[in-house]
Amino acid sequence: MLPPILANLRIPVVASPMFIVSGPDLVIAQCKAGIVGSFPALNAREKDGEPALLDAWLTRIAEELDRHNQANPDHPAAPFAVNQIVHRSNARLQRDIEICHKHRVPIWITSLGARPEVNAAAHDCGGIALHDVINERFARKAIEKGADGLIAVAAGAGGHAGPQSPFALVQEIRTWFDGPLLLSGAIATGRAVLAAQAMGADLAYVGSPFIATEEANAPADYKRMIVESGAEDVVTSSLFTGVSGNYLAPSIRAAGLDPDRLERGEVSDMSFDENSPRPKAWSQIWGSGQGIGAVREVVAAAGLVDRLAREHAEARAALCGA
């Protein structure tokens, strides 16, 4: 059974947090449209000596969603989520945990490591913690360390994707875990959302289609590349962060590299330092999942959610007679 905070969405979708791309404009639009909007805490970057931008972002999101709810009591906004990168290279982690705790963030998403203290902070302020995993072994560790739910990041997902089929990953997790389970991996249509549910996931985790939205903090060329590309234009490489991820081949070529001849990166080299000498994911090397063949134009986020909702309802009616 889903926790109440995830049980009454317009459609069973959580928008995944995308490095650089996801910010307050996109999150607010997603939540108002009826799905969970999210962003990585690391996207809120202030200059040295300035107040914490994350604090300002959370204040703005909460205030705008509250105004929306007061004006639309019959159609309240969905909750929002903040993603914490818990890898040791994230020097801001403790500060960002404290800010999220102060703002009582309702949904915490953790990546690149499971940390009990992060889950405890989420629970202490009344939130829930979801952890993304690429295999069943990591899934067990996450639950053992206090996560409330899991995000199964399967082959075809954008960013740090796993190598396993979504069928294999979901069915292995469901042999022992009956809590909240999200599925990520090339989900770009309402029919794919329904397929994720049929496989055993509670919710779909959708990212790349939202890059091609008006509210996304992405360059126009990036949005256009999403629209013009398909699955064959997505390549997998560990060079840019030390962890295997999926990226757009045209952006790799634009950075002067051959996407067919990329060196292997090491996880020990992972760094979120803006001064890193290697091409930067995702500001220079643009991430994407394999589902972008379904993205045909740049639209408002609300329009994308409308399409997903319509396709989801049509697919249910066709397959289930509901």
Protein backbone atom coordinates (compact mmCIF):
# COMPACT_ATOMS: atom_id res chain seq x y z
CA MET A 1 0.00 0.00 0.00
CA LEU A 2 1.22 3.46 -0.86
CA PRO A 3 1.72 6.02 1.90
CA PRO A 4 -0.99 8.72 1.86
CA ILE A 5 1.37 11.31 0.41
CA LEU A 6 1.69 9.25 -2.80
CA ALA A 7 -1.81 7.83 -2.98
CA ASN A 8 -3.83 10.63 -4.53
CA LEU A 9 -1.83 11.80 -7.53
CA ARG A 10 -3.59 12.65 -10.78
CA ILE A 11 -1.65 9.85 -12.45
CA PRO A 12 0.91 7.50 -10.85
CA VAL A 13 3.96 9.52 -11.86
CA VAL A 14 6.90 11.04 -10.02
CA ALA A 15 9.01 13.41 -12.11
CA SER A 16 12.63 12.46 -11.60
CA PRO A 17 15.16 15.04 -10.36
CA MET A 18 17.48 16.02 -13.18
CA PHE A 19 20.83 17.65 -12.53
CA ILE A 20 20.75 21.32 -13.63
CA VAL A 21 17.47 20.85 -15.54
CA SER A 22 15.07 20.62 -12.58
CA GLY A 23 14.41 23.83 -10.67
CA PRO A 24 11.54 25.64 -8.95
CA ASP A 25 9.75 26.60 -12.19
CA LEU A 26 9.57 23.01 -13.37
CA VAL A 27 8.78 21.53 -9.96
CA ILE A 28 5.94 23.97 -9.33
CA ALA A 29 4.45 23.31 -12.77
CA GLN A 30 4.68 19.53 -12.27
CA CYS A 31 3.05 19.65 -8.85
CA LYS A 32 0.25 21.95 -10.02
CA ALA A 33 -0.41 19.53 -12.88
CA GLY A 34 -0.92 16.70 -10.38
CA ILE A 35 2.32 14.72 -10.30
CA VAL A 36 5.22 14.78 -7.85
CA GLY A 37 7.83 17.33 -8.95
CA SER A 38 11.41 16.99 -7.77
CA PHE A 39 14.85 18.54 -8.01
CA PRO A 40 18.37 17.71 -6.79
CA ALA A 41 19.42 19.83 -3.82
CA LEU A 42 22.74 20.41 -5.59
CA ASN A 43 20.95 22.33 -8.34
CA ALA A 44 20.51 25.23 -5.92
CA ARG A 45 24.00 26.75 -6.11
CA GLU A 46 24.78 30.13 -4.62
CA LYS A 47 28.00 32.10 -4.88
CA ASP A 48 30.42 32.13 -1.95
CA GLY A 49 29.13 34.34 0.84
CA GLU A 50 25.54 34.39 -0.38
CA PRO A 51 22.60 32.91 1.56
CA ALA A 52 21.77 29.29 0.81
CA LEU A 53 19.79 29.20 -2.43
CA LEU A 54 18.21 25.88 -1.43
CA ASP A 55 16.50 27.68 1.45
CA ALA A 56 15.04 30.27 -0.93
CA TRP A 57 13.93 27.62 -3.43
CA LEU A 58 12.07 25.61 -0.80
CA THR A 59 10.38 28.73 0.53
CA ARG A 60 9.21 29.70 -2.96
CA ILE A 61 7.95 26.22 -3.83
CA ALA A 62 6.00 25.87 -0.60
CA GLU A 63 4.46 29.35 -0.88
CA GLU A 64 3.43 28.98 -4.54
CA LEU A 65 1.91 25.55 -4.00
CA ASP A 66 0.05 26.84 -0.94
CA ARG A 67 -1.41 29.72 -2.97
CA HIS A 68 -2.44 27.26 -5.67
CA ASN A 69 -4.14 25.01 -3.12
CA GLN A 70 -6.07 27.88 -1.58
CA ALA A 71 -7.28 28.97 -5.01
CA ASN A 72 -8.02 25.41 -6.19
CA PRO A 73 -9.30 23.40 -3.21
CA ASP A 74 -10.83 20.77 -5.50
CA HIS A 75 -7.58 20.28 -7.42
CA PRO A 76 -4.72 20.65 -4.96
CA ALA A 77 -1.11 20.37 -6.05
CA ALA A 78 0.81 17.15 -5.66
CA PRO A 79 3.67 17.07 -3.11
CA PHE A 80 7.25 17.78 -4.10
CA ALA A 81 10.50 15.93 -3.50
CA VAL A 82 14.16 16.85 -3.03
CA ASN A 83 16.97 14.58 -4.16
CA GLN A 84 20.08 14.24 -2.01
CA ILE A 85 23.27 12.88 -3.56
CA VAL A 86 24.75 11.06 -0.57
CA HIS A 87 28.06 10.14 -2.19
CA ARG A 88 31.11 11.24 -0.16
CA SER A 89 32.02 13.78 -2.86
CA ASN A 90 28.99 15.89 -1.90
CA ALA A 91 30.48 18.33 0.60
CA ARG A 92 27.13 20.08 1.05
CA LEU A 93 25.17 17.06 2.18
CA GLN A 94 24.87 17.82 5.89
CA ARG A 95 23.95 21.46 5.30
CA ASP A 96 21.31 20.50 2.74
CA ILE A 97 19.85 17.86 5.06
CA GLU A 98 19.41 20.50 7.74
CA ILE A 99 17.71 22.90 5.32
CA CYS A 100 15.33 20.22 4.05
CA HIS A 101 14.53 19.20 7.62
CA LYS A 102 13.75 22.82 8.53
CA HIS A 103 11.35 23.10 5.60
CA ARG A 104 9.76 19.74 6.37
CA VAL A 105 10.30 18.42 2.85
CA PRO A 106 7.62 15.75 2.34
CA ILE A 107 9.52 13.37 0.03
CA TRP A 108 13.27 12.73 0.15
CA ILE A 109 14.98 10.91 -2.72
CA THR A 110 18.49 9.60 -2.08
CA SER A 111 21.04 8.53 -4.69
CA LEU A 112 24.55 7.06 -4.91
CA GLY A 113 24.60 5.52 -1.45
CA ALA A 114 22.17 4.61 1.32
CA ARG A 115 22.64 6.56 4.57
CA PRO A 116 20.54 5.85 7.69
CA GLU A 117 20.99 9.39 9.00
CA VAL A 118 19.38 10.87 5.89
CA ASN A 119 16.38 8.56 6.24
CA ALA A 120 16.16 9.44 9.92
CA ALA A 121 16.14 13.16 9.11
CA ALA A 122 13.31 12.64 6.63
CA HIS A 123 11.26 10.70 9.16
CA ASP A 124 11.93 13.21 11.92
CA CYS A 125 10.24 15.99 9.95
CA GLY A 126 7.33 13.83 8.84
CA GLY A 127 8.63 12.91 5.40
CA ILE A 128 9.28 9.66 3.57
CA ALA A 129 12.53 8.48 2.01
CA LEU A 130 12.84 6.82 -1.39
CA HIS A 131 16.16 5.40 -2.54
CA ASP A 132 17.16 4.68 -6.13
CA VAL A 133 18.78 1.32 -6.86
CA ILE A 134 20.06 -0.54 -9.92
CA ASN A 135 19.90 -4.08 -8.58
CA GLU A 136 18.25 -6.26 -5.95
CA ARG A 137 21.30 -6.29 -3.66
CA PHE A 138 21.33 -2.50 -3.36
CA ALA A 139 17.56 -2.59 -2.84
CA ARG A 140 17.91 -4.82 0.21
CA LYS A 141 20.61 -2.59 1.67
CA ALA A 142 18.46 0.51 1.22
CA ILE A 143 15.52 -0.99 3.09
CA GLU A 144 17.80 -2.32 5.82
CA LYS A 145 19.08 1.23 6.31
CA GLY A 146 15.64 2.72 6.73
CA ALA A 147 14.34 3.75 3.30
CA ASP A 148 10.56 3.66 2.98
CA GLY A 149 10.48 2.91 -0.72
CA LEU A 150 12.61 2.08 -3.73
CA ILE A 151 13.17 3.54 -7.18
CA ALA A 152 14.21 0.77 -9.57
CA VAL A 153 16.48 2.45 -12.12
CA ALA A 154 16.49 0.05 -15.04
CA ALA A 155 18.17 -0.08 -18.43
CA GLY A 156 17.16 2.82 -20.65
CA ALA A 157 16.83 5.39 -17.88
CA GLY A 158 18.50 8.76 -18.17
CA GLY A 159 21.49 9.78 -16.08
CA HIS A 160 22.96 7.06 -13.86
CA ALA A 161 20.99 4.15 -15.28
CA GLY A 162 21.32 0.52 -14.33
CA PRO A 163 21.99 -2.31 -16.79
CA GLN A 164 19.09 -4.61 -15.90
CA SER A 165 15.80 -5.11 -17.70
CA PRO A 166 12.88 -3.49 -15.88
CA PHE A 167 11.11 -6.87 -15.90
CA ALA A 168 14.00 -8.56 -14.10
CA LEU A 169 14.60 -5.75 -11.63
CA VAL A 170 10.98 -5.25 -10.59
CA GLN A 171 10.15 -8.94 -10.29
CA GLU A 172 13.22 -9.66 -8.13
CA ILE A 173 12.42 -6.80 -5.76
CA ARG A 174 8.75 -7.78 -5.56
CA THR A 175 9.62 -11.28 -4.34
CA TRP A 176 10.37 -9.79 -0.92
CA PHE A 177 9.34 -6.10 -0.85
CA ASP A 178 5.70 -4.97 -0.88
CA GLY A 179 6.30 -1.29 -0.10
CA PRO A 180 6.37 1.70 -2.45
CA LEU A 181 8.19 0.84 -5.67
CA LEU A 182 8.86 3.24 -8.53
CA LEU A 183 10.21 2.26 -11.93
CA SER A 184 12.57 4.33 -14.06
CA GLY A 185 13.65 3.52 -17.59
CA ALA A 186 12.48 4.93 -20.95
CA ILE A 187 8.98 5.81 -19.68
CA ALA A 188 7.68 8.60 -21.89
CA THR A 189 4.02 7.78 -22.59
CA GLY A 190 0.92 7.10 -20.55
CA ARG A 191 0.87 3.56 -21.96
CA ALA A 192 4.38 3.04 -20.55
CA VAL A 193 3.17 4.30 -17.16
CA LEU A 194 0.44 1.65 -17.20
CA ALA A 195 2.98 -0.97 -18.25
CA ALA A 196 5.12 -0.09 -15.22
CA GLN A 197 2.10 -0.68 -12.99
CA ALA A 198 1.31 -3.97 -14.71
CA MET A 199 4.87 -5.11 -14.03
CA GLY A 200 4.43 -4.52 -10.31
CA ALA A 201 5.60 -0.95 -9.78
CA ASP A 202 3.32 1.49 -7.95
CA LEU A 203 4.48 4.57 -9.80
CA ALA A 204 6.45 5.54 -12.89
CA TYR A 205 9.55 7.72 -12.58
CA VAL A 206 9.67 10.03 -15.61
CA GLY A 207 12.57 12.34 -16.43
CA SER A 208 13.82 12.94 -19.96
CA PRO A 209 10.51 14.05 -21.53
CA PHE A 210 10.45 16.95 -19.07
CA ILE A 211 13.73 18.27 -20.48
CA ALA A 212 11.74 19.34 -23.54
CA THR A 213 9.38 21.57 -21.55
CA GLU A 214 9.16 25.32 -21.34
CA GLU A 215 9.90 25.36 -17.61
CA ALA A 216 13.00 23.16 -17.75
CA ASN A 217 16.30 24.86 -16.97
CA ALA A 218 17.93 23.55 -20.13
CA PRO A 219 19.44 25.34 -23.13
CA ALA A 220 17.27 25.58 -26.22
CA ASP A 221 19.74 23.36 -28.10
CA TYR A 222 19.36 20.65 -25.44
CA LYS A 223 15.58 20.74 -25.70
CA ARG A 224 15.78 20.61 -29.48
CA MET A 225 18.19 17.66 -29.32
CA ILE A 226 15.71 15.75 -27.14
CA VAL A 227 12.95 16.38 -29.69
CA GLU A 228 15.13 15.40 -32.67
CA SER A 229 16.75 12.30 -31.11
CA GLY A 230 15.70 8.73 -30.45
CA ALA A 231 16.92 5.70 -28.55
CA GLU A 232 19.77 5.05 -30.99
CA ASP A 233 21.22 8.48 -30.14
CA VAL A 234 21.69 7.57 -26.47
CA VAL A 235 25.05 6.11 -25.44
CA THR A 236 26.18 4.65 -22.12
CA SER A 237 29.47 5.78 -20.58
CA SER A 238 31.18 6.02 -17.20
CA LEU A 239 33.71 8.61 -18.41
CA PHE A 240 31.96 11.74 -17.24
CA THR A 241 31.10 10.92 -13.62
CA GLY A 242 32.81 7.59 -12.94
CA VAL A 243 29.41 5.87 -12.84
CA SER A 244 27.67 4.42 -15.87
CA GLY A 245 25.17 6.88 -17.31
CA ASN A 246 23.19 7.54 -20.48
CA TYR A 247 23.94 10.59 -22.62
CA LEU A 248 23.08 12.09 -25.99
CA ALA A 249 25.71 11.21 -28.60
CA PRO A 250 25.33 14.56 -30.45
CA SER A 251 26.31 16.43 -27.28
CA ILE A 252 29.38 14.22 -26.88
CA ARG A 253 30.43 14.99 -30.45
CA ALA A 254 29.88 18.71 -29.84
CA ALA A 255 32.36 18.46 -26.93
CA GLY A 256 35.00 17.13 -29.34
CA LEU A 257 34.75 13.47 -28.34
CA ASP A 258 33.86 10.34 -30.27
CA PRO A 259 30.87 8.65 -28.57
CA ASP A 260 32.04 5.31 -29.99
CA ARG A 261 35.51 5.61 -28.44
CA LEU A 262 35.07 6.83 -24.89
CA GLU A 263 37.47 5.93 -22.12
CA ARG A 264 36.22 4.27 -18.98
CA GLY A 265 35.78 6.42 -15.88
CA GLU A 266 36.36 5.31 -12.29
CA VAL A 267 33.94 5.87 -9.44
CA SER A 268 36.85 7.17 -7.33
CA ASP A 269 37.05 10.10 -9.76
CA MET A 270 33.46 11.19 -9.16
CA SER A 271 33.29 14.89 -8.41
CA PHE A 272 30.57 17.52 -8.36
CA ASP A 273 33.20 20.26 -8.43
CA GLU A 274 32.43 22.85 -11.11
CA ASN A 275 36.20 23.17 -11.74
CA SER A 276 36.65 19.55 -12.83
CA PRO A 277 38.79 19.37 -16.03
CA ARG A 278 36.71 16.67 -17.74
CA PRO A 279 33.62 17.55 -19.85
CA LYS A 280 30.80 18.17 -17.42
CA ALA A 281 27.69 16.05 -17.19
CA TRP A 282 25.08 17.46 -17.55
CA SER A 283 26.00 21.00 -18.57
CA GLN A 284 28.19 20.02 -21.55
CA ILE A 285 27.40 16.34 -21.97
CA TRP A 286 23.63 16.13 -21.96
CA GLY A 287 21.92 13.21 -20.24
CA SER A 288 18.90 11.42 -21.62
CA GLY A 289 16.98 8.19 -21.34
CA GLN A 290 16.03 5.99 -24.26
CA GLY A 291 12.35 6.96 -24.27
CA ILE A 292 12.80 10.27 -26.07
CA GLY A 293 11.57 8.94 -29.40
CA ALA A 294 8.09 9.70 -28.03
CA VAL A 295 8.97 13.39 -27.51
CA ARG A 296 8.00 15.39 -30.59
CA GLU A 297 7.89 19.01 -29.44
CA VAL A 298 8.74 21.39 -26.63
CA VAL A 299 5.60 21.96 -24.55
CA ALA A 300 4.56 23.33 -21.18
CA ALA A 301 5.01 20.84 -18.36
CA ALA A 302 1.25 20.87 -17.74
CA GLY A 303 0.70 19.94 -21.37
CA LEU A 304 3.04 16.98 -21.06
CA VAL A 305 1.21 15.78 -17.93
CA ASP A 306 -2.11 16.20 -19.77
CA ARG A 307 -0.79 13.94 -22.56
CA LEU A 308 0.44 11.31 -20.12
CA ALA A 309 -2.89 11.35 -18.27
CA ARG A 310 -4.89 11.02 -21.48
CA GLU A 311 -2.72 8.19 -22.80
CA HIS A 312 -2.82 6.42 -19.45
CA ALA A 313 -6.63 6.54 -19.36
CA GLU A 314 -6.92 5.38 -22.98
CA ALA A 315 -4.52 2.49 -22.37
CA ARG A 316 -6.44 1.38 -19.29
CA ALA A 317 -9.70 1.50 -21.19
CA ALA A 318 -8.25 -0.48 -24.08
CA LEU A 319 -6.57 -3.16 -21.98
CA CYS A 320 -8.76 -3.39 -18.91
CA GLY A 321 -12.14 -2.13 -20.04
CA ALA A 322 -11.94 0.44 -17.24
